[in-house]
Amino acid sequence: MPARLLRLRCRRLPGLALLAAASVAQAQGAPARAERPDPLDPRAGVPAAAYASPLAGYRRLGDDKPVPWKEANETVNRIGGWRAYAREAQAPDPAASAARTPASGPAPGHGGHKTH
């Protein structure tokens, strides 16, 4: 390795070490947590319960109107063939991803365990 290339690499080393130390220090910082209400206090606030049914998007098998096979084949050909269905299957469902977004703080009933 030429000496010039070695000097260039050695000049960057202290900066990289400083950057690595700063990122480790940031990652090790204590998370900011709000004070929890006293569970024995009857006037303590309780978060509102939210429920989303897992069957909300359910469709019965008989709900769809049968389509003649020629019309179905023409529709598939028009939209781009099997590749269009493969792209559709790989795309995330926006309704499902919105339902899975974690709420701020630990889940109710978990007491905060396994949150680190």
PDB file of N, CA and C in Angstrom:
ATOM      1  N   MET A   1       0.860  -1.165   0.000  1.00  0.00           N
ATOM      2  CA  MET A   1       0.000   0.000   0.000  1.00  0.00           C
ATOM      3  C   MET A   1       0.909   1.232   0.000  1.00  0.00           C
ATOM      4  N   PRO A   2       0.684   2.136  -0.911  1.00  0.00           N
ATOM      5  CA  PRO A   2       1.526   3.336  -0.959  1.00  0.00           C
ATOM      6  C   PRO A   2       1.379   4.160   0.323  1.00  0.00           C
ATOM      7  N   ALA A   3       2.451   4.871   0.659  1.00  0.00           N
ATOM      8  CA  ALA A   3       2.465   5.668   1.889  1.00  0.00           C
ATOM      9  C   ALA A   3       1.419   6.770   1.846  1.00  0.00           C
ATOM     10  N   ARG A   4       1.196   7.357   0.663  1.00  0.00           N
ATOM     11  CA  ARG A   4       0.209   8.450   0.535  1.00  0.00           C
ATOM     12  C   ARG A   4      -1.205   7.951   0.873  1.00  0.00           C
ATOM     13  N   LEU A   5      -1.555   6.787   0.365  1.00  0.00           N
ATOM     14  CA  LEU A   5      -2.871   6.207   0.632  1.00  0.00           C
ATOM     15  C   LEU A   5      -3.013   5.866   2.116  1.00  0.00           C
ATOM     16  N   LEU A   6      -1.931   5.380   2.711  1.00  0.00           N
ATOM     17  CA  LEU A   6      -1.958   5.052   4.132  1.00  0.00           C
ATOM     18  C   LEU A   6      -2.176   6.310   4.974  1.00  0.00           C
ATOM     19  N   ARG A   7      -1.524   7.442   4.601  1.00  0.00           N
ATOM     20  CA  ARG A   7      -1.714   8.694   5.335  1.00  0.00           C
ATOM     21  C   ARG A   7      -3.149   9.199   5.218  1.00  0.00           C
ATOM     22  N   LEU A   8      -3.751   9.058   4.033  1.00  0.00           N
ATOM     23  CA  LEU A   8      -5.133   9.500   3.849  1.00  0.00           C
ATOM     24  C   LEU A   8      -6.083   8.702   4.736  1.00  0.00           C
ATOM     25  N   ARG A   9      -5.851   7.412   4.817  1.00  0.00           N
ATOM     26  CA  ARG A   9      -6.707   6.567   5.647  1.00  0.00           C
ATOM     27  C   ARG A   9      -6.502   6.865   7.123  1.00  0.00           C
ATOM     28  N   CYS A  10      -5.270   7.134   7.533  1.00  0.00           N
ATOM     29  CA  CYS A  10      -4.991   7.423   8.937  1.00  0.00           C
ATOM     30  C   CYS A  10      -5.570   8.771   9.350  1.00  0.00           C
ATOM     31  N   ARG A  11      -5.689   9.714   8.426  1.00  0.00           N
ATOM     32  CA  ARG A  11      -6.276  11.012   8.754  1.00  0.00           C
ATOM     33  C   ARG A  11      -7.759  10.883   9.064  1.00  0.00           C
ATOM     34  N   ARG A  12      -8.404   9.964   8.437  1.00  0.00           N
ATOM     35  CA  ARG A  12      -9.848   9.793   8.632  1.00  0.00           C
ATOM     36  C   ARG A  12     -10.168   8.988   9.884  1.00  0.00           C
ATOM     37  N   LEU A  13      -9.208   8.254  10.380  1.00  0.00           N
ATOM     38  CA  LEU A  13      -9.447   7.366  11.507  1.00  0.00           C
ATOM     39  C   LEU A  13      -9.928   8.094  12.767  1.00  0.00           C
ATOM     40  N   PRO A  14      -9.311   9.193  13.212  1.00  0.00           N
ATOM     41  CA  PRO A  14      -9.824   9.866  14.416  1.00  0.00           C
ATOM     42  C   PRO A  14     -11.255  10.380  14.239  1.00  0.00           C
ATOM     43  N   GLY A  15     -11.582  10.877  13.071  1.00  0.00           N
ATOM     44  CA  GLY A  15     -12.950  11.354  12.832  1.00  0.00           C
ATOM     45  C   GLY A  15     -13.962  10.225  12.899  1.00  0.00           C
ATOM     46  N   LEU A  16     -13.600   9.090  12.335  1.00  0.00           N
ATOM     47  CA  LEU A  16     -14.498   7.935  12.388  1.00  0.00           C
ATOM     48  C   LEU A  16     -14.649   7.418  13.814  1.00  0.00           C
ATOM     49  N   ALA A  17     -13.561   7.436  14.580  1.00  0.00           N
ATOM     50  CA  ALA A  17     -13.637   6.984  15.970  1.00  0.00           C
ATOM     51  C   ALA A  17     -14.530   7.914  16.788  1.00  0.00           C
ATOM     52  N   LEU A  18     -14.411   9.221  16.547  1.00  0.00           N
ATOM     53  CA  LEU A  18     -15.247  10.180  17.254  1.00  0.00           C
ATOM     54  C   LEU A  18     -16.719   9.995  16.885  1.00  0.00           C
ATOM     55  N   LEU A  19     -16.985   9.774  15.614  1.00  0.00           N
ATOM     56  CA  LEU A  19     -18.358   9.543  15.158  1.00  0.00           C
ATOM     57  C   LEU A  19     -18.933   8.278  15.779  1.00  0.00           C
ATOM     58  N   ALA A  20     -18.139   7.220  15.837  1.00  0.00           N
ATOM     59  CA  ALA A  20     -18.600   5.966  16.435  1.00  0.00           C
ATOM     60  C   ALA A  20     -18.879   6.147  17.925  1.00  0.00           C
ATOM     61  N   ALA A  21     -18.010   6.876  18.631  1.00  0.00           N
ATOM     62  CA  ALA A  21     -18.216   7.096  20.060  1.00  0.00           C
ATOM     63  C   ALA A  21     -19.470   7.919  20.308  1.00  0.00           C
ATOM     64  N   ALA A  22     -19.715   8.918  19.458  1.00  0.00           N
ATOM     65  CA  ALA A  22     -20.910   9.749  19.625  1.00  0.00           C
ATOM     66  C   ALA A  22     -22.174   8.935  19.388  1.00  0.00           C
ATOM     67  N   SER A  23     -22.159   8.050  18.396  1.00  0.00           N
ATOM     68  CA  SER A  23     -23.359   7.254  18.121  1.00  0.00           C
ATOM     69  C   SER A  23     -23.620   6.252  19.238  1.00  0.00           C
ATOM     70  N   VAL A  24     -22.558   5.684  19.817  1.00  0.00           N
ATOM     71  CA  VAL A  24     -22.732   4.754  20.934  1.00  0.00           C
ATOM     72  C   VAL A  24     -23.273   5.497  22.149  1.00  0.00           C
ATOM     73  N   ALA A  25     -22.758   6.701  22.401  1.00  0.00           N
ATOM     74  CA  ALA A  25     -23.238   7.484  23.541  1.00  0.00           C
ATOM     75  C   ALA A  25     -24.702   7.854  23.359  1.00  0.00           C
ATOM     76  N   GLN A  26     -25.099   8.175  22.144  1.00  0.00           N
ATOM     77  CA  GLN A  26     -26.500   8.510  21.861  1.00  0.00           C
ATOM     78  C   GLN A  26     -27.390   7.286  22.074  1.00  0.00           C
ATOM     79  N   ALA A  27     -26.922   6.131  21.643  1.00  0.00           N
ATOM     80  CA  ALA A  27     -27.721   4.916  21.764  1.00  0.00           C
ATOM     81  C   ALA A  27     -27.863   4.482  23.223  1.00  0.00           C
ATOM     82  N   GLN A  28     -26.894   4.820  24.079  1.00  0.00           N
ATOM     83  CA  GLN A  28     -26.922   4.399  25.466  1.00  0.00           C
ATOM     84  C   GLN A  28     -27.666   5.359  26.377  1.00  0.00           C
ATOM     85  N   GLY A  29     -28.136   6.476  25.846  1.00  0.00           N
ATOM     86  CA  GLY A  29     -28.838   7.465  26.663  1.00  0.00           C
ATOM     87  C   GLY A  29     -30.122   6.893  27.236  1.00  0.00           C
ATOM     88  N   ALA A  30     -30.508   7.382  28.387  1.00  0.00           N
ATOM     89  CA  ALA A  30     -31.729   6.916  29.034  1.00  0.00           C
ATOM     90  C   ALA A  30     -32.945   7.473  28.298  1.00  0.00           C
ATOM     91  N   PRO A  31     -33.928   6.644  27.997  1.00  0.00           N
ATOM     92  CA  PRO A  31     -35.115   7.131  27.304  1.00  0.00           C
ATOM     93  C   PRO A  31     -35.949   8.023  28.222  1.00  0.00           C
ATOM     94  N   ALA A  32     -36.525   9.040  27.640  1.00  0.00           N
ATOM     95  CA  ALA A  32     -37.368   9.948  28.411  1.00  0.00           C
ATOM     96  C   ALA A  32     -38.723   9.280  28.632  1.00  0.00           C
ATOM     97  N   ARG A  33     -39.096   9.121  29.881  1.00  0.00           N
ATOM     98  CA  ARG A  33     -40.378   8.485  30.201  1.00  0.00           C
ATOM     99  C   ARG A  33     -41.205   9.438  31.054  1.00  0.00           C
ATOM    100  N   ALA A  34     -42.459   9.438  30.791  1.00  0.00           N
ATOM    101  CA  ALA A  34     -43.368  10.260  31.588  1.00  0.00           C
ATOM    102  C   ALA A  34     -43.635   9.538  32.913  1.00  0.00           C
ATOM    103  N   GLU A  35     -43.947  10.296  33.911  1.00  0.00           N
ATOM    104  CA  GLU A  35     -44.284   9.697  35.205  1.00  0.00           C
ATOM    105  C   GLU A  35     -45.554   8.877  35.070  1.00  0.00           C
ATOM    106  N   ARG A  36     -45.509   7.693  35.602  1.00  0.00           N
ATOM    107  CA  ARG A  36     -46.690   6.837  35.567  1.00  0.00           C
ATOM    108  C   ARG A  36     -47.598   7.199  36.736  1.00  0.00           C
ATOM    109  N   PRO A  37     -48.903   7.143  36.521  1.00  0.00           N
ATOM    110  CA  PRO A  37     -49.806   7.416  37.642  1.00  0.00           C
ATOM    111  C   PRO A  37     -49.746   6.282  38.655  1.00  0.00           C
ATOM    112  N   ASP A  38     -50.037   6.623  39.886  1.00  0.00           N
ATOM    113  CA  ASP A  38     -50.036   5.644  40.963  1.00  0.00           C
ATOM    114  C   ASP A  38     -51.200   4.675  40.761  1.00  0.00           C
ATOM    115  N   PRO A  39     -50.950   3.367  40.661  1.00  0.00           N
ATOM    116  CA  PRO A  39     -52.040   2.420  40.428  1.00  0.00           C
ATOM    117  C   PRO A  39     -53.018   2.309  41.597  1.00  0.00           C
ATOM    118  N   LEU A  40     -52.601   2.736  42.775  1.00  0.00           N
ATOM    119  CA  LEU A  40     -53.491   2.666  43.928  1.00  0.00           C
ATOM    120  C   LEU A  40     -54.365   3.910  44.061  1.00  0.00           C
ATOM    121  N   ASP A  41     -54.116   4.930  43.253  1.00  0.00           N
ATOM    122  CA  ASP A  41     -54.897   6.161  43.298  1.00  0.00           C
ATOM    123  C   ASP A  41     -56.165   5.984  42.474  1.00  0.00           C
ATOM    124  N   PRO A  42     -57.357   6.051  43.104  1.00  0.00           N
ATOM    125  CA  PRO A  42     -58.597   5.849  42.343  1.00  0.00           C
ATOM    126  C   PRO A  42     -58.888   6.980  41.361  1.00  0.00           C
ATOM    127  N   ARG A  43     -58.232   8.127  41.519  1.00  0.00           N
ATOM    128  CA  ARG A  43     -58.454   9.242  40.594  1.00  0.00           C
ATOM    129  C   ARG A  43     -57.435   9.257  39.463  1.00  0.00           C
ATOM    130  N   ALA A  44     -56.581   8.260  39.399  1.00  0.00           N
ATOM    131  CA  ALA A  44     -55.537   8.217  38.372  1.00  0.00           C
ATOM    132  C   ALA A  44     -56.183   8.066  36.996  1.00  0.00           C
ATOM    133  N   GLY A  45     -55.617   8.749  36.021  1.00  0.00           N
ATOM    134  CA  GLY A  45     -56.141   8.683  34.658  1.00  0.00           C
ATOM    135  C   GLY A  45     -55.864   7.337  34.012  1.00  0.00           C
ATOM    136  N   VAL A  46     -56.774   6.903  33.214  1.00  0.00           N
ATOM    137  CA  VAL A  46     -56.654   5.630  32.517  1.00  0.00           C
ATOM    138  C   VAL A  46     -56.737   5.905  31.021  1.00  0.00           C
ATOM    139  N   PRO A  47     -55.821   5.362  30.230  1.00  0.00           N
ATOM    140  CA  PRO A  47     -55.903   5.587  28.786  1.00  0.00           C
ATOM    141  C   PRO A  47     -57.160   4.937  28.208  1.00  0.00           C
ATOM    142  N   ALA A  48     -57.689   5.542  27.167  1.00  0.00           N
ATOM    143  CA  ALA A  48     -58.890   5.006  26.525  1.00  0.00           C
ATOM    144  C   ALA A  48     -58.564   3.683  25.836  1.00  0.00           C
ATOM    145  N   ALA A  49     -59.473   2.752  25.953  1.00  0.00           N
ATOM    146  CA  ALA A  49     -59.292   1.455  25.316  1.00  0.00           C
ATOM    147  C   ALA A  49     -59.724   1.542  23.856  1.00  0.00           C
ATOM    148  N   ALA A  50     -58.938   0.964  22.979  1.00  0.00           N
ATOM    149  CA  ALA A  50     -59.266   0.951  21.556  1.00  0.00           C
ATOM    150  C   ALA A  50     -59.299  -0.501  21.090  1.00  0.00           C
ATOM    151  N   TYR A  51     -60.298  -0.824  20.313  1.00  0.00           N
ATOM    152  CA  TYR A  51     -60.442  -2.186  19.822  1.00  0.00           C
ATOM    153  C   TYR A  51     -60.642  -2.158  18.318  1.00  0.00           C
ATOM    154  N   ALA A  52     -59.891  -2.976  17.614  1.00  0.00           N
ATOM    155  CA  ALA A  52     -60.067  -3.143  16.176  1.00  0.00           C
ATOM    156  C   ALA A  52     -60.311  -4.629  15.926  1.00  0.00           C
ATOM    157  N   SER A  53     -61.456  -4.947  15.381  1.00  0.00           N
ATOM    158  CA  SER A  53     -61.808  -6.345  15.144  1.00  0.00           C
ATOM    159  C   SER A  53     -60.917  -6.945  14.068  1.00  0.00           C
ATOM    160  N   PRO A  54     -60.403  -8.146  14.282  1.00  0.00           N
ATOM    161  CA  PRO A  54     -59.610  -8.799  13.247  1.00  0.00           C
ATOM    162  C   PRO A  54     -60.471  -9.246  12.067  1.00  0.00           C
ATOM    163  N   LEU A  55     -61.772  -9.250  12.239  1.00  0.00           N
ATOM    164  CA  LEU A  55     -62.670  -9.669  11.169  1.00  0.00           C
ATOM    165  C   LEU A  55     -63.263  -8.480  10.413  1.00  0.00           C
ATOM    166  N   ALA A  56     -62.743  -7.278  10.627  1.00  0.00           N
ATOM    167  CA  ALA A  56     -63.308  -6.083   9.997  1.00  0.00           C
ATOM    168  C   ALA A  56     -63.257  -6.156   8.469  1.00  0.00           C
ATOM    169  N   GLY A  57     -62.219  -6.743   7.909  1.00  0.00           N
ATOM    170  CA  GLY A  57     -62.090  -6.812   6.457  1.00  0.00           C
ATOM    171  C   GLY A  57     -62.574  -8.129   5.862  1.00  0.00           C
ATOM    172  N   TYR A  58     -63.289  -8.918   6.634  1.00  0.00           N
ATOM    173  CA  TYR A  58     -63.739 -10.232   6.170  1.00  0.00           C
ATOM    174  C   TYR A  58     -64.818 -10.114   5.108  1.00  0.00           C
ATOM    175  N   ARG A  59     -64.657 -10.895   4.051  1.00  0.00           N
ATOM    176  CA  ARG A  59     -65.693 -10.989   3.010  1.00  0.00           C
ATOM    177  C   ARG A  59     -66.081 -12.451   2.863  1.00  0.00           C
ATOM    178  N   ARG A  60     -67.355 -12.690   2.837  1.00  0.00           N
ATOM    179  CA  ARG A  60     -67.816 -14.067   2.664  1.00  0.00           C
ATOM    180  C   ARG A  60     -67.493 -14.533   1.252  1.00  0.00           C
ATOM    181  N   LEU A  61     -67.396 -15.834   1.079  1.00  0.00           N
ATOM    182  CA  LEU A  61     -67.058 -16.403  -0.217  1.00  0.00           C
ATOM    183  C   LEU A  61     -68.116 -16.089  -1.261  1.00  0.00           C
ATOM    184  N   GLY A  62     -69.367 -16.047  -0.900  1.00  0.00           N
ATOM    185  CA  GLY A  62     -70.434 -15.814  -1.853  1.00  0.00           C
ATOM    186  C   GLY A  62     -70.686 -14.349  -2.176  1.00  0.00           C
ATOM    187  N   ASP A  63     -69.926 -13.417  -1.584  1.00  0.00           N
ATOM    188  CA  ASP A  63     -70.155 -11.991  -1.807  1.00  0.00           C
ATOM    189  C   ASP A  63     -69.752 -11.531  -3.205  1.00  0.00           C
ATOM    190  N   ASP A  64     -68.792 -12.197  -3.833  1.00  0.00           N
ATOM    191  CA  ASP A  64     -68.340 -11.801  -5.164  1.00  0.00           C
ATOM    192  C   ASP A  64     -69.231 -12.404  -6.241  1.00  0.00           C
ATOM    193  N   LYS A  65     -69.488 -11.585  -7.264  1.00  0.00           N
ATOM    194  CA  LYS A  65     -70.293 -12.073  -8.386  1.00  0.00           C
ATOM    195  C   LYS A  65     -69.383 -12.864  -9.329  1.00  0.00           C
ATOM    196  N   PRO A  66     -69.782 -14.073  -9.735  1.00  0.00           N
ATOM    197  CA  PRO A  66     -68.948 -14.846 -10.659  1.00  0.00           C
ATOM    198  C   PRO A  66     -68.786 -14.117 -11.995  1.00  0.00           C
ATOM    199  N   VAL A  67     -67.586 -14.204 -12.567  1.00  0.00           N
ATOM    200  CA  VAL A  67     -67.276 -13.559 -13.847  1.00  0.00           C
ATOM    201  C   VAL A  67     -66.992 -14.658 -14.856  1.00  0.00           C
ATOM    202  N   PRO A  68     -67.496 -14.534 -16.086  1.00  0.00           N
ATOM    203  CA  PRO A  68     -67.171 -15.536 -17.106  1.00  0.00           C
ATOM    204  C   PRO A  68     -65.654 -15.611 -17.331  1.00  0.00           C
ATOM    205  N   TRP A  69     -65.145 -16.795 -17.613  1.00  0.00           N
ATOM    206  CA  TRP A  69     -63.707 -16.993 -17.689  1.00  0.00           C
ATOM    207  C   TRP A  69     -63.056 -16.175 -18.795  1.00  0.00           C
ATOM    208  N   LYS A  70     -63.738 -15.979 -19.923  1.00  0.00           N
ATOM    209  CA  LYS A  70     -63.144 -15.181 -21.004  1.00  0.00           C
ATOM    210  C   LYS A  70     -62.952 -13.736 -20.549  1.00  0.00           C
ATOM    211  N   GLU A  71     -63.950 -13.199 -19.866  1.00  0.00           N
ATOM    212  CA  GLU A  71     -63.861 -11.823 -19.373  1.00  0.00           C
ATOM    213  C   GLU A  71     -62.747 -11.702 -18.323  1.00  0.00           C
ATOM    214  N   ALA A  72     -62.618 -12.713 -17.459  1.00  0.00           N
ATOM    215  CA  ALA A  72     -61.563 -12.701 -16.448  1.00  0.00           C
ATOM    216  C   ALA A  72     -60.182 -12.730 -17.098  1.00  0.00           C
ATOM    217  N   ASN A  73     -60.009 -13.566 -18.116  1.00  0.00           N
ATOM    218  CA  ASN A  73     -58.729 -13.642 -18.817  1.00  0.00           C
ATOM    219  C   ASN A  73     -58.396 -12.327 -19.519  1.00  0.00           C
ATOM    220  N   GLU A  74     -59.380 -11.689 -20.132  1.00  0.00           N
ATOM    221  CA  GLU A  74     -59.147 -10.405 -20.806  1.00  0.00           C
ATOM    222  C   GLU A  74     -58.764  -9.324 -19.795  1.00  0.00           C
ATOM    223  N   THR A  75     -59.395  -9.343 -18.634  1.00  0.00           N
ATOM    224  CA  THR A  75     -59.069  -8.367 -17.589  1.00  0.00           C
ATOM    225  C   THR A  75     -57.632  -8.552 -17.108  1.00  0.00           C
ATOM    226  N   VAL A  76     -57.224  -9.785 -16.866  1.00  0.00           N
ATOM    227  CA  VAL A  76     -55.863 -10.071 -16.421  1.00  0.00           C
ATOM    228  C   VAL A  76     -54.865  -9.636 -17.490  1.00  0.00           C
ATOM    229  N   ASN A  77     -55.154  -9.917 -18.737  1.00  0.00           N
ATOM    230  CA  ASN A  77     -54.264  -9.529 -19.836  1.00  0.00           C
ATOM    231  C   ASN A  77     -54.159  -8.005 -19.926  1.00  0.00           C
ATOM    232  N   ARG A  78     -55.268  -7.300 -19.730  1.00  0.00           N
ATOM    233  CA  ARG A  78     -55.285  -5.838 -19.850  1.00  0.00           C
ATOM    234  C   ARG A  78     -54.469  -5.173 -18.731  1.00  0.00           C
ATOM    235  N   ILE A  79     -54.529  -5.709 -17.503  1.00  0.00           N
ATOM    236  CA  ILE A  79     -53.816  -5.060 -16.399  1.00  0.00           C
ATOM    237  C   ILE A  79     -52.357  -5.461 -16.310  1.00  0.00           C
ATOM    238  N   GLY A  80     -51.898  -6.405 -17.087  1.00  0.00           N
ATOM    239  CA  GLY A  80     -50.470  -6.746 -17.088  1.00  0.00           C
ATOM    240  C   GLY A  80     -50.157  -8.171 -16.742  1.00  0.00           C
ATOM    241  N   GLY A  81     -51.124  -9.044 -16.756  1.00  0.00           N
ATOM    242  CA  GLY A  81     -50.865 -10.458 -16.520  1.00  0.00           C
ATOM    243  C   GLY A  81     -50.595 -10.786 -15.067  1.00  0.00           C
ATOM    244  N   TRP A  82     -49.959 -11.921 -14.852  1.00  0.00           N
ATOM    245  CA  TRP A  82     -49.714 -12.406 -13.496  1.00  0.00           C
ATOM    246  C   TRP A  82     -48.764 -11.497 -12.726  1.00  0.00           C
ATOM    247  N   ARG A  83     -47.914 -10.747 -13.426  1.00  0.00           N
ATOM    248  CA  ARG A  83     -46.966  -9.860 -12.741  1.00  0.00           C
ATOM    249  C   ARG A  83     -47.698  -8.760 -11.960  1.00  0.00           C
ATOM    250  N   ALA A  84     -48.826  -8.283 -12.497  1.00  0.00           N
ATOM    251  CA  ALA A  84     -49.602  -7.260 -11.786  1.00  0.00           C
ATOM    252  C   ALA A  84     -50.127  -7.823 -10.469  1.00  0.00           C
ATOM    253  N   TYR A  85     -50.584  -9.058 -10.477  1.00  0.00           N
ATOM    254  CA  TYR A  85     -51.079  -9.682  -9.249  1.00  0.00           C
ATOM    255  C   TYR A  85     -49.931  -9.932  -8.262  1.00  0.00           C
ATOM    256  N   ALA A  86     -48.750 -10.271  -8.780  1.00  0.00           N
ATOM    257  CA  ALA A  86     -47.599 -10.483  -7.904  1.00  0.00           C
ATOM    258  C   ALA A  86     -47.195  -9.172  -7.225  1.00  0.00           C
ATOM    259  N   ARG A  87     -47.207  -8.051  -7.984  1.00  0.00           N
ATOM    260  CA  ARG A  87     -46.889  -6.749  -7.374  1.00  0.00           C
ATOM    261  C   ARG A  87     -47.929  -6.383  -6.327  1.00  0.00           C
ATOM    262  N   GLU A  88     -49.195  -6.660  -6.621  1.00  0.00           N
ATOM    263  CA  GLU A  88     -50.280  -6.350  -5.683  1.00  0.00           C
ATOM    264  C   GLU A  88     -50.126  -7.162  -4.397  1.00  0.00           C
ATOM    265  N   ALA A  89     -49.717  -8.408  -4.531  1.00  0.00           N
ATOM    266  CA  ALA A  89     -49.554  -9.268  -3.355  1.00  0.00           C
ATOM    267  C   ALA A  89     -48.368  -8.817  -2.506  1.00  0.00           C
ATOM    268  N   GLN A  90     -47.334  -8.257  -3.119  1.00  0.00           N
ATOM    269  CA  GLN A  90     -46.153  -7.808  -2.384  1.00  0.00           C
ATOM    270  C   GLN A  90     -46.349  -6.452  -1.730  1.00  0.00           C
ATOM    271  N   ALA A  91     -47.306  -5.653  -2.214  1.00  0.00           N
ATOM    272  CA  ALA A  91     -47.539  -4.313  -1.647  1.00  0.00           C
ATOM    273  C   ALA A  91     -48.170  -4.447  -0.269  1.00  0.00           C
ATOM    274  N   PRO A  92     -47.707  -3.630   0.702  1.00  0.00           N
ATOM    275  CA  PRO A  92     -48.316  -3.698   2.030  1.00  0.00           C
ATOM    276  C   PRO A  92     -49.725  -3.127   2.007  1.00  0.00           C
ATOM    277  N   ASP A  93     -50.580  -3.719   2.813  1.00  0.00           N
ATOM    278  CA  ASP A  93     -51.961  -3.258   2.920  1.00  0.00           C
ATOM    279  C   ASP A  93     -51.989  -2.011   3.791  1.00  0.00           C
ATOM    280  N   PRO A  94     -52.399  -0.843   3.270  1.00  0.00           N
ATOM    281  CA  PRO A  94     -52.348   0.382   4.073  1.00  0.00           C
ATOM    282  C   PRO A  94     -53.234   0.321   5.311  1.00  0.00           C
ATOM    283  N   ALA A  95     -54.378  -0.336   5.237  1.00  0.00           N
ATOM    284  CA  ALA A  95     -55.265  -0.420   6.396  1.00  0.00           C
ATOM    285  C   ALA A  95     -54.637  -1.294   7.483  1.00  0.00           C
ATOM    286  N   ALA A  96     -53.997  -2.378   7.086  1.00  0.00           N
ATOM    287  CA  ALA A  96     -53.383  -3.272   8.063  1.00  0.00           C
ATOM    288  C   ALA A  96     -52.164  -2.630   8.697  1.00  0.00           C
ATOM    289  N   SER A  97     -51.352  -1.894   7.918  1.00  0.00           N
ATOM    290  CA  SER A  97     -50.173  -1.265   8.494  1.00  0.00           C
ATOM    291  C   SER A  97     -50.567  -0.134   9.431  1.00  0.00           C
ATOM    292  N   ALA A  98     -51.672   0.561   9.156  1.00  0.00           N
ATOM    293  CA  ALA A  98     -52.130   1.624  10.055  1.00  0.00           C
ATOM    294  C   ALA A  98     -52.641   1.026  11.358  1.00  0.00           C
ATOM    295  N   ALA A  99     -53.244  -0.156  11.283  1.00  0.00           N
ATOM    296  CA  ALA A  99     -53.761  -0.802  12.488  1.00  0.00           C
ATOM    297  C   ALA A  99     -52.626  -1.344  13.346  1.00  0.00           C
ATOM    298  N   ARG A 100     -51.460  -1.644  12.730  1.00  0.00           N
ATOM    299  CA  ARG A 100     -50.347  -2.220  13.464  1.00  0.00           C
ATOM    300  C   ARG A 100     -49.377  -1.186  14.019  1.00  0.00           C
ATOM    301  N   THR A 101     -49.594   0.093  13.801  1.00  0.00           N
ATOM    302  CA  THR A 101     -48.658   1.077  14.320  1.00  0.00           C
ATOM    303  C   THR A 101     -48.721   1.051  15.835  1.00  0.00           C
ATOM    304  N   PRO A 102     -47.557   0.947  16.485  1.00  0.00           N
ATOM    305  CA  PRO A 102     -47.563   0.855  17.945  1.00  0.00           C
ATOM    306  C   PRO A 102     -47.965   2.170  18.576  1.00  0.00           C
ATOM    307  N   ALA A 103     -48.701   2.058  19.652  1.00  0.00           N
ATOM    308  CA  ALA A 103     -49.099   3.253  20.409  1.00  0.00           C
ATOM    309  C   ALA A 103     -47.902   3.739  21.193  1.00  0.00           C
ATOM    310  N   SER A 104     -47.928   4.967  21.608  1.00  0.00           N
ATOM    311  CA  SER A 104     -46.816   5.480  22.398  1.00  0.00           C
ATOM    312  C   SER A 104     -46.856   4.839  23.776  1.00  0.00           C
ATOM    313  N   GLY A 105     -45.701   4.380  24.226  1.00  0.00           N
ATOM    314  CA  GLY A 105     -45.617   3.752  25.533  1.00  0.00           C
ATOM    315  C   GLY A 105     -45.930   2.270  25.456  1.00  0.00           C
ATOM    316  N   PRO A 106     -45.822   1.592  26.586  1.00  0.00           N
ATOM    317  CA  PRO A 106     -46.084   0.153  26.591  1.00  0.00           C
ATOM    318  C   PRO A 106     -47.564  -0.147  26.395  1.00  0.00           C
ATOM    319  N   ALA A 107     -47.821  -1.329  25.891  1.00  0.00           N
ATOM    320  CA  ALA A 107     -49.199  -1.749  25.659  1.00  0.00           C
ATOM    321  C   ALA A 107     -49.905  -1.935  26.996  1.00  0.00           C
ATOM    322  N   PRO A 108     -51.200  -1.651  27.059  1.00  0.00           N
ATOM    323  CA  PRO A 108     -51.926  -1.831  28.307  1.00  0.00           C
ATOM    324  C   PRO A 108     -51.869  -3.284  28.759  1.00  0.00           C
ATOM    325  N   GLY A 109     -51.683  -3.494  30.025  1.00  0.00           N
ATOM    326  CA  GLY A 109     -51.653  -4.845  30.569  1.00  0.00           C
ATOM    327  C   GLY A 109     -50.282  -5.480  30.533  1.00  0.00           C
ATOM    328  N   HIS A 110     -49.297  -4.822  29.922  1.00  0.00           N
ATOM    329  CA  HIS A 110     -47.974  -5.413  29.846  1.00  0.00           C
ATOM    330  C   HIS A 110     -47.046  -4.865  30.925  1.00  0.00           C
ATOM    331  N   GLY A 111     -47.431  -3.795  31.567  1.00  0.00           N
ATOM    332  CA  GLY A 111     -46.645  -3.286  32.672  1.00  0.00           C
ATOM    333  C   GLY A 111     -45.267  -2.799  32.277  1.00  0.00           C
ATOM    334  N   GLY A 112     -44.987  -2.680  31.005  1.00  0.00           N
ATOM    335  CA  GLY A 112     -43.711  -2.154  30.563  1.00  0.00           C
ATOM    336  C   GLY A 112     -42.614  -3.188  30.439  1.00  0.00           C
ATOM    337  N   HIS A 113     -42.896  -4.478  30.674  1.00  0.00           N
ATOM    338  CA  HIS A 113     -41.841  -5.456  30.518  1.00  0.00           C
ATOM    339  C   HIS A 113     -41.541  -5.677  29.036  1.00  0.00           C
ATOM    340  N   LYS A 114     -40.321  -6.018  28.770  1.00  0.00           N
ATOM    341  CA  LYS A 114     -39.822  -6.232  27.404  1.00  0.00           C
ATOM    342  C   LYS A 114     -39.991  -4.997  26.533  1.00  0.00           C
ATOM    343  N   THR A 115     -39.824  -3.836  27.088  1.00  0.00           N
ATOM    344  CA  THR A 115     -39.915  -2.609  26.297  1.00  0.00           C
ATOM    345  C   THR A 115     -38.549  -2.000  26.075  1.00  0.00           C
ATOM    346  N   HIS A 116     -37.496  -2.691  26.424  1.00  0.00           N
ATOM    347  CA  HIS A 116     -36.155  -2.155  26.235  1.00  0.00           C
ATOM    348  C   HIS A 116     -35.412  -2.882  25.164  1.00  0.00           C
TER     349      HIS A 116
END
